[in-house]
Protein backbone atom coordinates (compact mmCIF):
# COMPACT_ATOMS: atom_id res chain seq x y z
CA MET A 1 79.09 -16.34 23.97
CA ARG A 2 79.05 -14.40 27.25
CA GLY A 3 82.23 -14.35 29.31
CA PRO A 4 82.44 -15.23 33.00
CA ARG A 5 80.89 -12.78 35.44
CA LEU A 6 83.41 -10.86 37.49
CA PRO A 7 82.84 -10.57 41.22
CA GLY A 8 83.00 -6.78 41.20
CA ARG A 9 80.49 -6.44 38.34
CA VAL A 10 77.48 -6.97 40.63
CA ASP A 11 78.46 -4.03 42.87
CA ALA A 12 79.23 -1.85 39.88
CA VAL A 13 75.73 -2.22 38.38
CA ARG A 14 73.81 -2.30 41.68
CA PRO A 15 70.65 -0.19 41.37
CA ALA A 16 70.75 3.17 43.11
CA SER A 17 67.60 2.25 45.08
CA GLN A 18 69.55 -0.40 46.98
CA ASP A 19 72.04 2.23 48.27
CA ALA A 20 69.41 4.78 49.22
CA GLY A 21 68.17 2.84 52.23
CA PRO A 22 70.90 3.26 54.86
CA VAL A 23 71.71 6.92 54.05
CA PRO A 24 69.12 8.53 56.37
CA ARG A 25 70.30 6.32 59.23
CA THR A 26 73.92 7.40 58.87
CA ILE A 27 73.69 11.08 57.92
CA ALA A 28 73.60 12.41 61.52
CA PRO A 29 76.66 10.45 62.70
CA ALA A 30 78.49 11.42 59.52
CA LEU A 31 77.74 15.11 60.05
CA ALA A 32 78.71 14.88 63.72
CA THR A 33 82.00 13.23 62.78
CA SER A 34 82.92 15.58 59.95
CA HIS A 35 81.63 18.76 61.60
CA PRO A 36 82.64 19.11 65.28
CA ALA A 37 80.64 22.33 65.60
CA PHE A 38 77.48 20.50 64.52
CA ALA A 39 78.13 17.79 67.10
CA SER A 40 78.72 20.43 69.76
CA TRP A 41 75.40 22.10 69.06
CA LEU A 42 73.64 18.74 69.09
CA ASN A 43 75.08 18.04 72.54
CA ARG A 44 73.94 21.44 73.78
CA LEU A 45 70.43 20.95 72.45
CA ALA A 46 70.29 17.51 74.04
CA ALA A 47 71.43 18.93 77.39
CA LEU A 48 68.81 21.69 77.13
CA ALA A 49 66.10 19.13 76.38
CA VAL A 50 67.12 17.04 79.39
CA PHE A 51 67.14 20.13 81.60
CA LEU A 52 63.66 21.23 80.46
CA ALA A 53 62.29 17.71 80.91
CA ALA A 54 63.67 17.53 84.46
CA TRP A 55 62.20 20.97 85.17
CA GLU A 56 58.80 19.82 83.92
CA VAL A 57 58.88 16.75 86.15
CA LEU A 58 59.91 18.78 89.20
CA ALA A 59 57.13 21.27 88.48
CA ILE A 60 54.59 18.45 88.52
CA VAL A 61 55.98 17.05 91.75
CA ALA A 62 56.39 20.37 93.58
CA GLY A 63 53.27 22.02 92.23
CA GLN A 64 52.72 25.02 89.98
CA ALA A 65 52.43 27.40 92.92
CA THR A 66 56.06 27.08 93.97
CA LEU A 67 57.68 25.87 90.76
CA PRO A 68 55.92 26.87 87.53
CA ASP A 69 56.55 24.77 84.45
CA PRO A 70 58.96 26.01 81.74
CA LEU A 71 56.17 27.18 79.41
CA THR A 72 54.59 29.33 82.12
CA VAL A 73 57.95 30.88 82.97
CA LEU A 74 58.67 31.50 79.28
CA VAL A 75 55.33 33.28 78.79
CA THR A 76 55.92 35.35 81.93
CA PHE A 77 59.45 36.17 80.76
CA VAL A 78 58.25 37.44 77.38
CA ARG A 79 55.47 39.51 78.94
CA ALA A 80 57.74 40.96 81.63
CA LEU A 81 60.49 42.11 79.27
CA PRO A 82 58.75 45.35 78.16
CA ARG A 83 57.32 45.90 81.68
CA GLY A 84 60.58 46.35 83.54
CA LEU A 85 62.51 43.10 83.24
CA GLY A 86 64.32 44.32 80.14
CA TRP A 87 65.38 47.51 81.92
CA HIS A 88 66.67 45.60 84.95
CA THR A 89 68.60 43.26 82.62
CA MET A 90 70.27 46.20 80.86
CA VAL A 91 71.27 47.76 84.19
CA SER A 92 72.82 44.50 85.39
CA GLY A 93 74.54 44.01 82.03
CA TYR A 94 75.97 47.51 82.20
CA ARG A 95 77.42 46.92 85.67
CA VAL A 96 79.05 43.56 84.95
CA VAL A 97 80.39 44.53 81.51
CA LEU A 98 81.89 47.80 82.78
CA ALA A 99 83.51 45.97 85.73
CA THR A 100 84.93 43.36 83.35
CA VAL A 101 86.38 45.95 80.95
CA LEU A 102 87.92 47.95 83.81
CA SER A 103 89.49 44.85 85.33
CA VAL A 104 91.18 43.94 82.04
CA VAL A 105 92.31 47.52 81.31
CA VAL A 106 93.89 47.90 84.76
CA ALA A 107 95.09 44.38 85.55
CA ALA A 108 96.51 43.34 82.16
CA PRO A 109 99.18 46.09 81.92
CA LEU A 110 100.07 45.65 85.58
CA GLY A 111 100.39 41.90 85.13
CA LEU A 112 102.64 42.39 82.10
CA ALA A 113 104.82 44.80 84.05
CA LEU A 114 105.13 42.42 86.99
CA GLY A 115 105.91 39.50 84.70
CA GLN A 116 108.71 41.36 82.95
CA SER A 117 110.22 43.15 85.93
CA PRO A 118 111.53 40.84 88.67
CA ARG A 119 112.19 43.87 90.84
CA TRP A 120 108.62 45.11 90.76
CA ASP A 121 107.35 41.57 91.11
CA ARG A 122 109.35 41.14 94.34
CA LEU A 123 107.89 44.37 95.68
CA VAL A 124 104.26 43.71 94.76
CA ALA A 125 104.16 39.92 95.20
CA PRO A 126 103.80 40.02 99.04
CA LEU A 127 100.83 42.39 98.76
CA VAL A 128 99.18 40.20 96.14
CA TYR A 129 99.94 37.08 98.15
CA LEU A 130 98.18 38.54 101.22
CA SER A 131 95.20 40.08 99.44
CA TYR A 132 94.42 37.42 96.82
CA PRO A 133 93.04 34.75 99.23
CA ILE A 134 90.76 37.24 101.01
CA PRO A 135 87.09 36.73 100.01
CA LYS A 136 86.37 40.00 98.25
CA ILE A 137 82.70 39.90 99.16
CA VAL A 138 83.57 40.69 102.81
CA LEU A 139 84.85 44.07 101.59
CA LEU A 140 81.37 45.09 100.45
CA PRO A 141 80.46 46.97 103.68
CA ILE A 142 83.69 48.97 103.36
CA LEU A 143 82.89 49.81 99.73
CA LEU A 144 79.38 50.85 100.73
CA ILE A 145 80.77 53.20 103.37
CA PHE A 146 83.21 54.92 101.04
CA LEU A 147 81.36 54.70 97.71
CA GLY A 148 77.73 54.69 98.80
CA LEU A 149 74.79 52.63 97.58
CA GLY A 150 75.06 53.57 93.92
CA ASP A 151 76.64 51.83 90.96
CA ALA A 152 80.19 52.65 92.09
CA SER A 153 80.20 50.20 95.00
CA LYS A 154 78.60 47.41 92.95
CA ILE A 155 80.93 47.81 89.98
CA SER A 156 83.92 48.05 92.32
CA MET A 157 82.95 44.81 94.02
CA ILE A 158 82.89 42.89 90.73
CA PHE A 159 86.04 44.70 89.61
CA LEU A 160 88.00 43.52 92.65
CA ILE A 161 87.08 39.90 92.04
CA LEU A 162 88.02 39.96 88.35
CA PHE A 163 91.07 42.17 88.86
CA PHE A 164 93.05 39.64 90.90
CA GLN A 165 92.08 36.81 88.55
CA VAL A 166 93.38 38.67 85.49
CA LEU A 167 96.44 40.02 87.30
CA MET A 168 97.69 36.62 88.40
CA VAL A 169 97.00 34.97 85.06
CA VAL A 170 98.72 37.68 83.01
CA ARG A 171 101.75 37.79 85.28
CA ASP A 172 102.24 34.02 85.10
CA ALA A 173 101.57 33.90 81.35
CA SER A 174 104.05 36.69 80.61
CA GLN A 175 106.72 34.93 82.64
CA SER A 176 106.20 31.71 80.66
CA VAL A 177 106.74 33.24 77.20
CA ARG A 178 109.45 31.29 75.41
CA PRO A 179 112.75 33.22 75.32
CA GLU A 180 113.45 32.32 71.68
CA LEU A 181 110.32 34.22 70.63
CA VAL A 182 111.50 37.31 72.47
CA HIS A 183 115.03 37.04 71.06
CA SER A 184 113.79 36.61 67.50
CA VAL A 185 111.65 39.76 67.67
CA ARG A 186 114.31 41.71 69.54
CA SER A 187 116.84 40.83 66.82
CA LEU A 188 114.63 42.72 64.38
CA GLY A 189 115.07 45.89 66.41
CA ALA A 190 111.95 45.71 68.60
CA ARG A 191 112.01 47.71 71.82
CA ARG A 192 110.37 47.01 75.18
CA ARG A 193 107.05 48.63 74.27
CA GLN A 194 106.91 46.77 70.97
CA LEU A 195 107.72 43.49 72.73
CA LEU A 196 104.84 44.07 75.15
CA ARG A 197 102.45 44.86 72.33
CA TYR A 198 103.40 42.27 69.73
CA VAL A 199 104.79 39.40 71.82
CA TYR A 200 103.75 39.41 75.45
CA PHE A 201 100.18 40.71 75.16
CA PRO A 202 99.18 38.32 72.32
CA ALA A 203 100.77 35.47 74.28
CA CYS A 204 98.75 36.43 77.38
CA LEU A 205 95.44 37.11 75.62
CA PRO A 206 94.24 33.46 75.62
CA ALA A 207 94.94 33.26 79.34
CA ILE A 208 93.06 36.53 79.94
CA LEU A 209 89.96 35.35 78.08
CA THR A 210 90.08 31.95 79.77
CA SER A 211 90.26 33.54 83.22
CA LEU A 212 87.32 35.78 82.39
CA ARG A 213 85.28 32.83 81.15
CA VAL A 214 85.99 30.98 84.38
CA SER A 215 85.10 34.06 86.45
CA VAL A 216 81.83 34.88 84.68
CA GLY A 217 79.78 32.69 87.03
CA THR A 218 81.35 34.28 90.09
CA ALA A 219 80.80 37.77 88.72
CA ILE A 220 77.11 37.09 88.06
CA ALA A 221 76.67 35.61 91.55
CA VAL A 222 78.29 38.65 93.16
CA LEU A 223 76.16 40.91 90.95
CA PHE A 224 73.00 39.24 92.23
CA PHE A 225 74.12 39.68 95.83
CA VAL A 226 75.05 43.34 95.57
CA GLU A 227 71.85 44.16 93.70
CA SER A 228 69.57 42.51 96.25
CA PHE A 229 69.65 45.55 98.58
CA GLY A 230 70.41 49.27 98.51
CA THR A 231 69.21 49.75 94.91
CA THR A 232 66.06 50.11 92.85
CA ALA A 233 67.37 48.64 89.58
CA GLY A 234 69.04 45.40 88.51
CA LEU A 235 68.09 41.77 88.25
CA GLY A 236 68.97 41.12 91.90
CA TYR A 237 66.47 43.81 92.93
CA TYR A 238 63.87 42.44 90.50
CA ILE A 239 64.20 38.87 91.77
CA ILE A 240 64.32 39.57 95.52
CA VAL A 241 62.23 42.72 95.98
CA GLU A 242 59.80 42.92 93.08
CA SER A 243 59.15 39.19 92.71
CA TRP A 244 60.08 37.04 95.71
CA GLY A 245 58.98 39.73 98.17
CA ARG A 246 55.51 39.80 96.58
CA LEU A 247 55.28 35.99 96.23
CA ALA A 248 55.20 36.41 92.42
CA TYR A 249 57.06 33.20 91.79
CA ALA A 250 56.54 33.13 88.02
CA GLN A 251 58.17 36.56 87.75
CA MET A 252 60.92 35.45 90.12
CA TYR A 253 61.80 32.51 87.87
CA ALA A 254 61.64 34.81 84.86
CA GLY A 255 64.23 37.00 86.56
CA VAL A 256 66.38 33.93 87.26
CA VAL A 257 66.17 33.03 83.56
CA ALA A 258 67.18 36.58 82.61
CA MET A 259 70.21 36.49 84.89
CA SER A 260 71.15 33.05 83.56
CA LEU A 261 70.89 34.31 79.98
CA LEU A 262 73.08 37.26 80.92
CA GLY A 263 75.78 34.91 82.18
CA VAL A 264 75.47 32.63 79.15
CA GLY A 265 75.61 35.65 76.83
CA LEU A 266 78.83 36.91 78.42
CA TYR A 267 80.33 33.43 78.20
CA ILE A 268 79.45 33.18 74.50
CA VAL A 269 80.92 36.63 73.79
CA LEU A 270 84.18 35.67 75.47
CA ASP A 271 84.21 32.36 73.58
CA VAL A 272 83.71 34.19 70.26
CA LEU A 273 86.49 36.65 71.12
CA GLN A 274 88.85 33.81 71.92
CA LYS A 275 88.10 32.07 68.61
CA ARG A 276 88.42 35.37 66.74
CA PHE A 277 91.67 36.64 68.23
CA CYS A 278 93.27 33.44 69.55
CA GLY A 279 92.51 30.94 66.81
CA TRP A 280 96.20 30.09 66.58
CA VAL A 281 95.91 28.37 69.97
CA ASP A 282 93.57 25.70 68.58
CA VAL A 283 95.76 25.33 65.49
CA GLY A 284 98.76 24.67 67.67
CA ARG A 285 96.94 21.85 69.45
CA LEU A 286 96.33 19.89 66.25
């Protein structure tokens, strides 16, 4: 004689085919929930799709003559890369990367020194206070007079903009380092140089990379402006002189895409550097 059926026995012997149905409908949300990086890339792809769709609609409304569709610009971009666009992109990349490296090399040690020396900070603070709010782009004619029309004036212009950003951030970050961290390392026999290297600089590195990420857009905009005249190389020259000046709008948009990719590439590099060398910041937020 068969015993009574238990309520849980039906679920225990349910055929596998009955559970296979809802899995495809829930796999994407499950991956997005368990893998934040996957969800982040999904959001980026969705934003890119919306942007391209809006571009396509605007191209239909405005007309192909003034606003080519994304496919036309992509084909022009690929064809123009070996015909000069790639060279102009490398020249622009060289200028902005060199200016960025110089700004960090010069401003980071100076910011650490100002943050750790109240005396020097009192002496330099008035100069920084007066010069920081000045729009650095108005100094371009002066740089052109003293440095000429070559790379020196263009790199110096971007350097000045990034220099003050990094200087202020490093000085403030070094002043906000917790005293107990300094005392604990100093109790082990560390000297001033070792404190700067192993305590203050690592503590300021996230702020440095964040300030550079914020300033990438400004640096690219200034790069476009300084390359639009007085030069024969660079994306600014390619967009304004070689494309817009000849009414080659497809090439002009290809140059805009190249400059945009340059900015996005720099942003991604800085983001990777921050995750590589400052991963402890994200851990501390958990």
